Amino acid sequence: MGDFGYRSKRRFDDIPAGGYRLLLAVLCAGALSFFDSRYPEQFQIVRHEGQQVLEPINRLLSYPERFIVGIGDRLRSQKDLYEENKTLRAELLQTAVQLQQLAESRAENTRLRALLDSSLSTNDHILNAEIISVNPNPSHQVFTLNKGQREGISIGLPVLDAKGVMGQIVETTDRLSSLMLISDSRHSIPVRVERTGDRAILTGMGNSTKLRLDYAPESADIKVGDVLVTSGLGDSFPSGYFVATISEVKRQHGSEFTEAYAKPLAELDSSRHVIVLFRRSLHDEQPIVAPTNSEASYASP
């Protein structure tokens, strides 16, 4: 008996302290469950008070998990926002490019419409062409057109845009041709003042916004704002096409000629689509032969 008591006591001594606490908790939980099932109304108050006592503890214990979840959501949100921002930037760039293309197409349509609506003589035969390059020599104002001898273009033919005379053809190949602008210092064109009929020669100065009026008599009635049109002399440019407007007049006493300057009506710096003008004979549907180099109104380079 003594041995049995000693062994039983030894067995209970081997149980750790934590085991006793667990056993006690299990017994208490069982007792509470038993009384709760037997007397539910009386234990309702106990449950309510117990929840209120444990609520701060539960809230405190939930903070770490909530903090980790919140950090994850924030990082995920920042990443999503970054990706969304990146996508929106790309879409905005594409839209901006499309708007530029749309604006360019609209401007080109306007220029083409103006070109088609420009008044041309019924005896003239025209050919649409496009400027594709500019002469790199800064002292020469020469453009390259995408049409040439294959389309019937020859040296000396005049070229216009929707607003006025741009220049004339000075060189041709099978597929291309060179257009010398009226602003080139080597180019001259016979003109007359639309208001009075006074004639003069309009010469380029190497400046796309300023031309010089030569050989206008000192007695000529020329005013700022007067429109200059082609006079038809020299057979290179048909009569009556707009060329420039007088921008400056200087009268010098004792001088034989009036010093005057004009601004081109054609958009020399921005026009892209142009018209090459052929002269038609009243009896022939084919364009007449262009004037020879000696008859053309430009100086040889």
Protein backbone atom coordinates (compact mmCIF):
# COMPACT_ATOMS: atom_id res chain seq x y z
CA MET A 1 0.00 0.00 0.00
CA GLY A 2 2.83 2.32 0.84
CA ASP A 3 4.45 1.48 -2.48
CA PHE A 4 1.24 2.13 -4.42
CA GLY A 5 0.72 5.52 -2.76
CA TYR A 6 4.27 6.45 -3.47
CA ARG A 7 3.96 5.45 -7.15
CA SER A 8 0.67 7.40 -7.54
CA LYS A 9 2.16 10.46 -5.95
CA ARG A 10 5.21 10.09 -8.19
CA ARG A 11 2.98 9.87 -11.31
CA PHE A 12 1.15 13.10 -10.39
CA ASP A 13 4.44 14.81 -9.61
CA ASP A 14 5.61 14.03 -13.17
CA ILE A 15 2.74 16.07 -14.66
CA PRO A 16 4.05 19.59 -15.52
CA ALA A 17 2.42 22.70 -14.07
CA GLY A 18 1.06 23.66 -17.47
CA GLY A 19 -0.85 20.40 -17.62
CA TYR A 20 -2.69 21.27 -14.41
CA ARG A 21 -3.70 24.59 -15.79
CA LEU A 22 -4.95 23.00 -18.99
CA LEU A 23 -6.90 20.42 -17.03
CA LEU A 24 -8.41 23.12 -14.87
CA ALA A 25 -9.39 25.13 -17.96
CA VAL A 26 -11.00 22.09 -19.53
CA LEU A 27 -12.98 21.38 -16.35
CA CYS A 28 -14.13 24.98 -16.09
CA ALA A 29 -15.15 25.04 -19.75
CA GLY A 30 -17.06 21.82 -19.32
CA ALA A 31 -18.83 23.15 -16.21
CA LEU A 32 -19.72 26.41 -17.97
CA SER A 33 -21.04 24.52 -20.98
CA PHE A 34 -23.10 22.27 -18.75
CA PHE A 35 -24.65 25.13 -16.78
CA ASP A 36 -25.12 27.18 -19.94
CA SER A 37 -27.13 24.41 -21.53
CA ARG A 38 -29.18 23.90 -18.37
CA TYR A 39 -29.70 27.55 -17.43
CA PRO A 40 -29.34 29.57 -20.64
CA GLU A 41 -31.24 32.66 -19.48
CA GLN A 42 -29.15 33.07 -16.34
CA PHE A 43 -25.90 32.67 -18.28
CA GLN A 44 -26.88 35.21 -20.98
CA ILE A 45 -25.77 38.04 -18.72
CA VAL A 46 -22.53 36.22 -17.91
CA ARG A 47 -21.76 35.73 -21.64
CA HIS A 48 -22.45 39.39 -22.37
CA GLU A 49 -20.23 40.64 -19.59
CA GLY A 50 -17.51 38.17 -20.54
CA GLN A 51 -17.54 39.39 -24.15
CA GLN A 52 -17.20 42.99 -23.01
CA VAL A 53 -14.28 42.09 -20.76
CA LEU A 54 -12.51 40.13 -23.54
CA GLU A 55 -13.29 42.60 -26.36
CA PRO A 56 -10.24 44.89 -25.79
CA ILE A 57 -8.01 41.83 -25.63
CA ASN A 58 -9.43 40.46 -28.88
CA ARG A 59 -9.05 43.85 -30.50
CA LEU A 60 -5.45 44.12 -29.31
CA LEU A 61 -4.65 40.63 -30.55
CA SER A 62 -6.11 41.46 -33.97
CA TYR A 63 -3.84 44.48 -34.49
CA PRO A 64 -0.79 42.58 -35.81
CA GLU A 65 -2.81 40.73 -38.40
CA ARG A 66 -4.68 43.87 -39.39
CA PHE A 67 -1.38 45.76 -39.64
CA ILE A 68 0.15 43.11 -41.90
CA VAL A 69 -2.97 42.96 -44.08
CA GLY A 70 -3.08 46.77 -44.28
CA ILE A 71 0.58 47.01 -45.32
CA GLY A 72 -0.01 44.33 -47.97
CA ASP A 73 -3.08 46.15 -49.31
CA ARG A 74 -1.21 49.45 -49.36
CA LEU A 75 1.73 47.99 -51.21
CA ARG A 76 -0.64 46.27 -53.62
CA SER A 77 -2.57 49.50 -54.13
CA GLN A 78 0.61 51.46 -54.84
CA LYS A 79 1.71 48.85 -57.34
CA ASP A 80 -1.72 48.85 -58.98
CA LEU A 81 -1.70 52.65 -59.09
CA TYR A 82 1.77 52.65 -60.62
CA GLU A 83 0.72 50.15 -63.29
CA GLU A 84 -2.49 52.07 -63.95
CA ASN A 85 -0.56 55.33 -64.18
CA LYS A 86 1.90 53.74 -66.58
CA THR A 87 -0.94 52.46 -68.76
CA LEU A 88 -2.70 55.82 -68.74
CA ARG A 89 0.52 57.61 -69.69
CA ALA A 90 0.97 55.28 -72.66
CA GLU A 91 -2.65 55.77 -73.72
CA LEU A 92 -2.31 59.55 -73.34
CA LEU A 93 0.81 59.55 -75.50
CA GLN A 94 -0.94 57.50 -78.17
CA THR A 95 -3.94 59.83 -78.05
CA ALA A 96 -1.68 62.88 -78.37
CA VAL A 97 0.02 61.38 -81.43
CA GLN A 98 -3.35 60.53 -82.96
CA LEU A 99 -4.55 64.09 -82.32
CA GLN A 100 -1.45 65.45 -84.04
CA GLN A 101 -2.10 63.20 -87.02
CA LEU A 102 -5.73 64.29 -87.05
CA ALA A 103 -4.76 67.96 -86.87
CA GLU A 104 -2.24 67.50 -89.70
CA SER A 105 -4.83 65.65 -91.80
CA ARG A 106 -7.38 68.39 -91.18
CA ALA A 107 -4.88 71.11 -92.11
CA GLU A 108 -3.86 69.19 -95.21
CA ASN A 109 -7.51 68.79 -96.23
CA THR A 110 -7.98 72.53 -95.79
CA ARG A 111 -4.95 73.27 -97.96
CA LEU A 112 -6.09 70.83 -100.64
CA ARG A 113 -9.60 72.27 -100.62
CA ALA A 114 -8.19 75.77 -100.97
CA LEU A 115 -5.95 74.57 -103.78
CA LEU A 116 -8.90 73.08 -105.66
CA ASP A 117 -11.03 76.16 -105.03
CA SER A 118 -8.35 78.59 -106.22
CA SER A 119 -9.36 80.40 -109.40
CA LEU A 120 -7.49 79.15 -112.48
CA SER A 121 -7.99 80.22 -116.06
CA THR A 122 -10.18 77.93 -118.14
CA ASN A 123 -7.41 77.87 -120.75
CA ASP A 124 -4.89 76.50 -118.27
CA HIS A 125 -4.04 72.87 -117.69
CA ILE A 126 -2.85 72.00 -114.19
CA LEU A 127 -0.96 69.18 -112.49
CA ASN A 128 -0.99 68.58 -108.75
CA ALA A 129 2.41 67.97 -107.18
CA GLU A 130 3.91 67.68 -103.73
CA ILE A 131 7.05 69.22 -102.26
CA ILE A 132 9.22 66.40 -100.94
CA SER A 133 12.52 68.08 -100.05
CA VAL A 134 14.38 71.39 -99.75
CA ASN A 135 17.72 72.32 -101.28
CA PRO A 136 20.27 72.26 -98.41
CA ASN A 137 22.13 75.27 -99.89
CA PRO A 138 21.02 78.20 -97.67
CA SER A 139 21.64 80.75 -100.42
CA HIS A 140 19.25 78.98 -102.81
CA GLN A 141 15.54 78.68 -102.21
CA VAL A 142 14.78 75.59 -104.27
CA PHE A 143 12.32 72.78 -103.52
CA THR A 144 12.05 69.32 -105.07
CA LEU A 145 8.68 68.16 -106.43
CA ASN A 146 7.57 64.56 -106.78
CA LYS A 147 6.61 64.97 -110.45
CA GLY A 148 8.89 65.23 -113.49
CA GLN A 149 9.21 64.76 -117.23
CA ARG A 150 7.09 61.62 -117.09
CA GLU A 151 4.12 63.82 -116.16
CA GLY A 152 4.99 66.42 -118.81
CA ILE A 153 6.81 68.90 -116.57
CA SER A 154 9.46 70.98 -118.33
CA ILE A 155 11.75 73.88 -117.45
CA GLY A 156 10.07 77.26 -117.07
CA LEU A 157 6.58 76.12 -116.06
CA PRO A 158 5.04 78.24 -113.26
CA VAL A 159 4.08 76.74 -109.90
CA LEU A 160 1.33 78.03 -107.57
CA ASP A 161 -0.17 77.18 -104.23
CA ALA A 162 -3.71 78.01 -103.09
CA LYS A 163 -2.87 81.68 -102.46
CA GLY A 164 -0.51 82.73 -105.19
CA VAL A 165 2.56 82.16 -107.37
CA MET A 166 5.36 80.21 -105.70
CA GLY A 167 7.96 80.10 -108.46
CA GLN A 168 8.84 78.10 -111.55
CA ILE A 169 10.50 74.88 -112.64
CA VAL A 170 14.26 75.21 -113.21
CA GLU A 171 15.34 71.58 -113.59
CA THR A 172 13.63 68.28 -114.37
CA THR A 173 14.35 64.57 -114.38
CA ASP A 174 12.14 61.67 -115.32
CA ARG A 175 10.41 61.52 -111.92
CA LEU A 176 11.39 64.75 -110.12
CA SER A 177 11.65 68.47 -110.76
CA SER A 178 13.18 71.48 -109.03
CA LEU A 179 11.08 74.50 -108.08
CA MET A 180 12.84 77.85 -107.63
CA LEU A 181 10.81 80.11 -105.36
CA ILE A 182 10.06 83.72 -106.30
CA SER A 183 11.99 84.67 -103.15
CA ASP A 184 15.25 83.25 -104.53
CA SER A 185 17.70 86.08 -105.28
CA ARG A 186 18.18 84.68 -108.81
CA HIS A 187 14.49 84.87 -109.68
CA SER A 188 12.46 87.71 -111.22
CA ILE A 189 8.85 87.86 -112.36
CA PRO A 190 6.99 90.53 -114.38
CA VAL A 191 4.07 91.94 -112.39
CA ARG A 192 1.56 94.74 -112.47
CA VAL A 193 -0.30 96.61 -109.75
CA GLU A 194 -3.85 95.27 -109.84
CA ARG A 195 -5.36 98.61 -108.81
CA THR A 196 -3.59 100.85 -111.34
CA GLY A 197 -2.09 98.54 -113.98
CA ASP A 198 1.45 99.92 -113.45
CA ARG A 199 4.08 97.35 -114.45
CA ALA A 200 7.32 96.39 -112.74
CA ILE A 201 9.65 93.47 -112.08
CA LEU A 202 9.45 91.61 -108.74
CA THR A 203 12.82 90.20 -107.69
CA GLY A 204 13.67 87.79 -104.90
CA MET A 205 15.99 88.80 -102.06
CA GLY A 206 16.69 85.40 -100.52
CA ASN A 207 13.99 86.14 -97.92
CA SER A 208 10.71 84.22 -98.01
CA THR A 209 8.80 87.21 -96.61
CA LYS A 210 10.28 90.10 -98.59
CA LEU A 211 10.56 90.80 -102.33
CA ARG A 212 11.91 93.87 -104.12
CA LEU A 213 9.93 95.78 -106.73
CA ASP A 214 12.28 96.91 -109.51
CA TYR A 215 11.75 99.35 -112.37
CA ALA A 216 8.59 100.93 -110.97
CA PRO A 217 8.55 104.54 -112.24
CA GLU A 218 8.82 107.26 -109.62
CA SER A 219 5.47 108.57 -110.85
CA ALA A 220 3.74 105.20 -110.40
CA ASP A 221 0.75 105.21 -108.04
CA ILE A 222 1.87 102.47 -105.64
CA LYS A 223 0.58 102.22 -102.08
CA VAL A 224 1.08 99.84 -99.17
CA GLY A 225 -1.49 97.07 -99.47
CA ASP A 226 -1.66 97.10 -103.28
CA VAL A 227 -1.89 93.63 -104.78
CA LEU A 228 0.63 92.57 -107.43
CA VAL A 229 -0.44 90.07 -110.09
CA THR A 230 1.40 88.47 -112.98
CA SER A 231 1.47 90.76 -116.00
CA GLY A 232 1.72 88.00 -118.61
CA LEU A 233 4.85 89.51 -120.18
CA GLY A 234 7.66 87.11 -121.03
CA ASP A 235 5.27 84.17 -121.65
CA SER A 236 6.54 82.35 -118.55
CA PHE A 237 3.71 83.32 -116.19
CA PRO A 238 0.12 83.69 -117.41
CA SER A 239 -1.52 87.02 -116.68
CA GLY A 240 -3.68 87.69 -113.66
CA TYR A 241 -2.32 85.37 -110.93
CA PHE A 242 -1.74 86.78 -107.45
CA VAL A 243 1.90 87.21 -106.49
CA ALA A 244 2.40 89.61 -103.56
CA THR A 245 1.15 92.67 -101.67
CA ILE A 246 3.09 95.91 -101.27
CA SER A 247 4.47 96.12 -97.73
CA GLU A 248 6.74 99.18 -97.95
CA VAL A 249 7.14 102.17 -100.26
CA LYS A 250 10.06 104.61 -100.17
CA ARG A 251 10.06 107.59 -102.51
CA GLN A 252 13.37 109.35 -103.09
CA HIS A 253 13.37 112.73 -104.79
CA GLY A 254 15.53 112.81 -107.87
CA SER A 255 15.35 109.04 -108.34
CA GLU A 256 13.97 107.63 -111.57
CA PHE A 257 12.31 104.65 -109.85
CA THR A 258 10.22 104.08 -106.72
CA GLU A 259 11.79 101.89 -104.05
CA ALA A 260 9.15 99.40 -102.92
CA TYR A 261 9.00 96.01 -101.24
CA ALA A 262 6.33 93.33 -101.21
CA LYS A 263 5.33 90.26 -99.23
CA PRO A 264 4.56 87.03 -101.14
CA LEU A 265 0.96 85.87 -101.00
CA ALA A 266 1.94 82.23 -101.47
CA GLU A 267 2.91 80.40 -98.30
CA LEU A 268 6.48 79.77 -99.36
CA ASP A 269 7.59 78.31 -96.03
CA SER A 270 4.61 76.06 -95.31
CA SER A 271 2.90 75.00 -98.54
CA ARG A 272 3.31 71.33 -99.28
CA HIS A 273 0.85 70.70 -102.09
CA VAL A 274 1.26 72.84 -105.21
CA ILE A 275 -0.01 73.16 -108.76
CA VAL A 276 2.22 73.08 -111.83
CA LEU A 277 0.57 75.25 -114.46
CA PHE A 278 0.60 74.42 -118.18
CA ARG A 279 -0.65 76.84 -120.81
CA ARG A 280 -3.16 75.35 -123.20
CA SER A 281 -3.59 76.51 -126.71
CA LEU A 282 -7.21 77.22 -127.63
CA HIS A 283 -6.84 74.71 -130.47
CA ASP A 284 -4.73 72.05 -128.77
CA GLU A 285 -5.52 69.99 -125.71
CA GLN A 286 -1.84 69.29 -125.03
CA PRO A 287 0.29 71.72 -123.03
CA ILE A 288 2.47 73.94 -125.16
CA VAL A 289 6.24 73.66 -125.07
CA ALA A 290 7.72 75.54 -122.11
CA PRO A 291 9.91 78.57 -122.85
CA THR A 292 13.60 77.96 -123.37
CA ASN A 293 16.15 78.90 -120.76
CA SER A 294 16.88 82.17 -122.59
CA GLU A 295 13.20 83.11 -122.46
CA ALA A 296 12.63 82.14 -118.83
CA SER A 297 12.46 84.90 -116.29
CA TYR A 298 15.01 83.49 -113.89
CA ALA A 299 18.76 83.79 -113.88
CA SER A 300 20.82 80.65 -114.39
CA PRO A 301 22.48 79.38 -111.23
